[in-house]
């Protein structure tokens, strides 16, 4: 038994180090605080139409945006945004649902409208 542990000592040490590193990464991802100041930009034809600070939204509200082919409705709530109505044929933009993380994006290609979420942290996607 002693010879077994002596023979595989470095294997156990490497395995323990990999386990500790993996646990550290998981804990960091779970305990990482949300980025303060997350905002959403609503764009039509690559032009900013409206900027919405998602951290300051008190209650759910609907915003009307004129697309290139038809009007659209965008719903905003604290920390999240989505396209709630569009007359586009596929409705992929509506089906995507709520987005809330920096770097996420919803596109309605038919209407030329997209929503992009960005934050203030250096690791976040910025315009």
C-alpha atoms as a PDB file:
ATOM      1  CA  UNK A   1       0.000   0.000   0.000  1.00  0.00           C
ATOM      2  CA  UNK A   2       2.848   2.359   0.886  1.00  0.00           C
ATOM      3  CA  UNK A   3       4.521   1.625  -2.452  1.00  0.00           C
ATOM      4  CA  UNK A   4       1.274   2.473  -4.275  1.00  0.00           C
ATOM      5  CA  UNK A   5       1.047   5.963  -2.721  1.00  0.00           C
ATOM      6  CA  UNK A   6       4.762   6.552  -3.296  1.00  0.00           C
ATOM      7  CA  UNK A   7       4.442   5.560  -6.951  1.00  0.00           C
ATOM      8  CA  UNK A   8       1.385   7.762  -7.637  1.00  0.00           C
ATOM      9  CA  UNK A   9       2.109  10.683  -5.286  1.00  0.00           C
ATOM     10  CA  UNK A  10       2.509  13.259  -8.074  1.00  0.00           C
ATOM     11  CA  UNK A  11      -0.652  12.040  -9.775  1.00  0.00           C
ATOM     12  CA  UNK A  12      -2.612  12.718  -6.573  1.00  0.00           C
ATOM     13  CA  UNK A  13      -0.996  16.145  -6.188  1.00  0.00           C
ATOM     14  CA  UNK A  14      -1.828  17.158  -9.784  1.00  0.00           C
ATOM     15  CA  UNK A  15      -5.367  15.826  -9.432  1.00  0.00           C
ATOM     16  CA  UNK A  16      -5.851  17.809  -6.200  1.00  0.00           C
ATOM     17  CA  UNK A  17      -4.522  21.014  -7.824  1.00  0.00           C
ATOM     18  CA  UNK A  18      -6.841  20.596 -10.827  1.00  0.00           C
ATOM     19  CA  UNK A  19      -9.772  20.011  -8.472  1.00  0.00           C
ATOM     20  CA  UNK A  20      -8.997  23.127  -6.417  1.00  0.00           C
ATOM     21  CA  UNK A  21      -8.597  25.225  -9.579  1.00  0.00           C
ATOM     22  CA  UNK A  22     -11.896  23.950 -10.983  1.00  0.00           C
ATOM     23  CA  UNK A  23     -13.715  24.634  -7.739  1.00  0.00           C
ATOM     24  CA  UNK A  24     -12.244  28.147  -7.632  1.00  0.00           C
ATOM     25  CA  UNK A  25     -13.487  28.908 -11.141  1.00  0.00           C
ATOM     26  CA  UNK A  26     -16.982  27.615 -10.364  1.00  0.00           C
ATOM     27  CA  UNK A  27     -17.180  29.634  -7.152  1.00  0.00           C
ATOM     28  CA  UNK A  28     -15.962  32.760  -8.955  1.00  0.00           C
ATOM     29  CA  UNK A  29     -18.639  32.381 -11.640  1.00  0.00           C
ATOM     30  CA  UNK A  30     -21.404  31.794  -9.094  1.00  0.00           C
ATOM     31  CA  UNK A  31     -20.393  34.482  -6.614  1.00  0.00           C
ATOM     32  CA  UNK A  32     -19.366  37.135  -9.172  1.00  0.00           C
ATOM     33  CA  UNK A  33     -21.490  40.260  -8.604  1.00  0.00           C
ATOM     34  CA  UNK A  34     -23.618  41.564 -11.445  1.00  0.00           C
ATOM     35  CA  UNK A  35     -22.173  44.478 -13.368  1.00  0.00           C
ATOM     36  CA  UNK A  36     -23.516  47.794 -12.104  1.00  0.00           C
ATOM     37  CA  UNK A  37     -24.912  50.138 -14.711  1.00  0.00           C
ATOM     38  CA  UNK A  38     -26.067  47.679 -17.379  1.00  0.00           C
ATOM     39  CA  UNK A  39     -27.763  49.534 -20.237  1.00  0.00           C
ATOM     40  CA  UNK A  40     -29.512  48.598 -23.463  1.00  0.00           C
ATOM     41  CA  UNK A  41     -29.253  50.455 -26.732  1.00  0.00           C
ATOM     42  CA  UNK A  42     -32.147  50.261 -29.169  1.00  0.00           C
ATOM     43  CA  UNK A  43     -30.917  50.733 -32.732  1.00  0.00           C
ATOM     44  CA  UNK A  44     -32.695  51.178 -36.072  1.00  0.00           C
ATOM     45  CA  UNK A  45     -30.556  50.875 -39.188  1.00  0.00           C
ATOM     46  CA  UNK A  46     -27.376  51.087 -37.013  1.00  0.00           C
ATOM     47  CA  UNK A  47     -28.508  54.426 -35.527  1.00  0.00           C
ATOM     48  CA  UNK A  48     -29.118  54.673 -31.785  1.00  0.00           C
ATOM     49  CA  UNK A  49     -32.807  55.437 -31.230  1.00  0.00           C
ATOM     50  CA  UNK A  50     -32.916  55.116 -27.443  1.00  0.00           C
ATOM     51  CA  UNK A  51     -30.668  54.205 -24.549  1.00  0.00           C
ATOM     52  CA  UNK A  52     -32.318  52.484 -21.559  1.00  0.00           C
ATOM     53  CA  UNK A  53     -30.594  52.067 -18.171  1.00  0.00           C
ATOM     54  CA  UNK A  54     -31.842  48.654 -17.077  1.00  0.00           C
ATOM     55  CA  UNK A  55     -30.711  49.061 -13.477  1.00  0.00           C
ATOM     56  CA  UNK A  56     -32.972  52.089 -12.949  1.00  0.00           C
ATOM     57  CA  UNK A  57     -36.191  50.603 -14.328  1.00  0.00           C
ATOM     58  CA  UNK A  58     -38.755  50.432 -11.542  1.00  0.00           C
ATOM     59  CA  UNK A  59     -41.554  48.522 -13.255  1.00  0.00           C
ATOM     60  CA  UNK A  60     -42.289  46.802 -16.545  1.00  0.00           C
ATOM     61  CA  UNK A  61     -43.120  49.165 -19.413  1.00  0.00           C
ATOM     62  CA  UNK A  62     -43.551  49.015 -23.179  1.00  0.00           C
ATOM     63  CA  UNK A  63     -41.714  51.191 -25.709  1.00  0.00           C
ATOM     64  CA  UNK A  64     -42.960  51.656 -29.278  1.00  0.00           C
ATOM     65  CA  UNK A  65     -40.307  51.765 -31.991  1.00  0.00           C
ATOM     66  CA  UNK A  66     -40.940  52.335 -35.672  1.00  0.00           C
ATOM     67  CA  UNK A  67     -39.207  49.663 -37.745  1.00  0.00           C
ATOM     68  CA  UNK A  68     -38.455  49.914 -41.451  1.00  0.00           C
ATOM     69  CA  UNK A  69     -41.572  47.885 -42.363  1.00  0.00           C
ATOM     70  CA  UNK A  70     -43.860  48.028 -39.322  1.00  0.00           C
ATOM     71  CA  UNK A  71     -44.061  49.303 -35.742  1.00  0.00           C
ATOM     72  CA  UNK A  72     -42.625  47.175 -32.957  1.00  0.00           C
ATOM     73  CA  UNK A  73     -43.087  46.931 -29.193  1.00  0.00           C
ATOM     74  CA  UNK A  74     -40.145  46.517 -26.841  1.00  0.00           C
ATOM     75  CA  UNK A  75     -40.778  45.610 -23.201  1.00  0.00           C
ATOM     76  CA  UNK A  76     -38.386  46.735 -20.475  1.00  0.00           C
ATOM     77  CA  UNK A  77     -38.214  45.658 -16.832  1.00  0.00           C
ATOM     78  CA  UNK A  78     -35.571  45.961 -14.134  1.00  0.00           C
ATOM     79  CA  UNK A  79     -32.453  44.282 -15.473  1.00  0.00           C
ATOM     80  CA  UNK A  80     -33.921  42.885 -18.725  1.00  0.00           C
ATOM     81  CA  UNK A  81     -35.354  43.835 -22.112  1.00  0.00           C
ATOM     82  CA  UNK A  82     -37.061  42.018 -24.993  1.00  0.00           C
ATOM     83  CA  UNK A  83     -38.923  42.531 -28.251  1.00  0.00           C
ATOM     84  CA  UNK A  84     -42.500  41.724 -27.317  1.00  0.00           C
ATOM     85  CA  UNK A  85     -44.255  42.365 -30.653  1.00  0.00           C
ATOM     86  CA  UNK A  86     -43.166  42.566 -34.270  1.00  0.00           C
ATOM     87  CA  UNK A  87     -45.038  42.028 -37.518  1.00  0.00           C
ATOM     88  CA  UNK A  88     -42.059  40.270 -39.094  1.00  0.00           C
ATOM     89  CA  UNK A  89     -42.806  36.918 -40.773  1.00  0.00           C
ATOM     90  CA  UNK A  90     -40.531  34.697 -38.668  1.00  0.00           C
ATOM     91  CA  UNK A  91     -40.909  36.206 -35.149  1.00  0.00           C
ATOM     92  CA  UNK A  92     -37.424  34.977 -34.179  1.00  0.00           C
ATOM     93  CA  UNK A  93     -36.812  38.275 -32.404  1.00  0.00           C
ATOM     94  CA  UNK A  94     -39.928  37.840 -30.255  1.00  0.00           C
ATOM     95  CA  UNK A  95     -39.158  34.172 -29.562  1.00  0.00           C
ATOM     96  CA  UNK A  96     -35.697  34.989 -28.203  1.00  0.00           C
ATOM     97  CA  UNK A  97     -37.291  36.424 -25.052  1.00  0.00           C
ATOM     98  CA  UNK A  98     -35.636  38.416 -22.287  1.00  0.00           C
ATOM     99  CA  UNK A  99     -31.962  39.343 -22.454  1.00  0.00           C
ATOM    100  CA  UNK A 100     -30.059  40.778 -19.513  1.00  0.00           C
ATOM    101  CA  UNK A 101     -26.290  40.205 -19.818  1.00  0.00           C
ATOM    102  CA  UNK A 102     -23.748  42.552 -21.336  1.00  0.00           C
ATOM    103  CA  UNK A 103     -22.951  41.554 -24.901  1.00  0.00           C
ATOM    104  CA  UNK A 104     -26.323  39.919 -25.607  1.00  0.00           C
ATOM    105  CA  UNK A 105     -28.255  41.098 -28.627  1.00  0.00           C
ATOM    106  CA  UNK A 106     -31.685  40.658 -30.214  1.00  0.00           C
ATOM    107  CA  UNK A 107     -32.112  41.379 -33.928  1.00  0.00           C
ATOM    108  CA  UNK A 108     -35.224  41.934 -36.009  1.00  0.00           C
ATOM    109  CA  UNK A 109     -33.697  41.827 -39.478  1.00  0.00           C
ATOM    110  CA  UNK A 110     -37.046  42.399 -41.173  1.00  0.00           C
ATOM    111  CA  UNK A 111     -37.534  45.752 -39.408  1.00  0.00           C
ATOM    112  CA  UNK A 112     -33.855  46.690 -39.186  1.00  0.00           C
ATOM    113  CA  UNK A 113     -34.065  47.034 -35.391  1.00  0.00           C
ATOM    114  CA  UNK A 114     -31.758  45.484 -32.834  1.00  0.00           C
ATOM    115  CA  UNK A 115     -31.195  45.734 -29.088  1.00  0.00           C
ATOM    116  CA  UNK A 116     -27.698  45.516 -27.654  1.00  0.00           C
ATOM    117  CA  UNK A 117     -26.897  45.258 -23.946  1.00  0.00           C
ATOM    118  CA  UNK A 118     -23.676  46.791 -22.708  1.00  0.00           C
ATOM    119  CA  UNK A 119     -22.192  47.576 -19.314  1.00  0.00           C
ATOM    120  CA  UNK A 120     -19.627  49.786 -17.689  1.00  0.00           C
ATOM    121  CA  UNK A 121     -17.073  47.147 -16.727  1.00  0.00           C
ATOM    122  CA  UNK A 122     -13.928  46.774 -18.798  1.00  0.00           C
ATOM    123  CA  UNK A 123     -14.770  43.140 -19.557  1.00  0.00           C
ATOM    124  CA  UNK A 124     -18.206  44.079 -20.901  1.00  0.00           C
ATOM    125  CA  UNK A 125     -18.944  44.711 -24.542  1.00  0.00           C
ATOM    126  CA  UNK A 126     -19.147  48.411 -25.347  1.00  0.00           C
ATOM    127  CA  UNK A 127     -20.402  50.276 -28.372  1.00  0.00           C
END
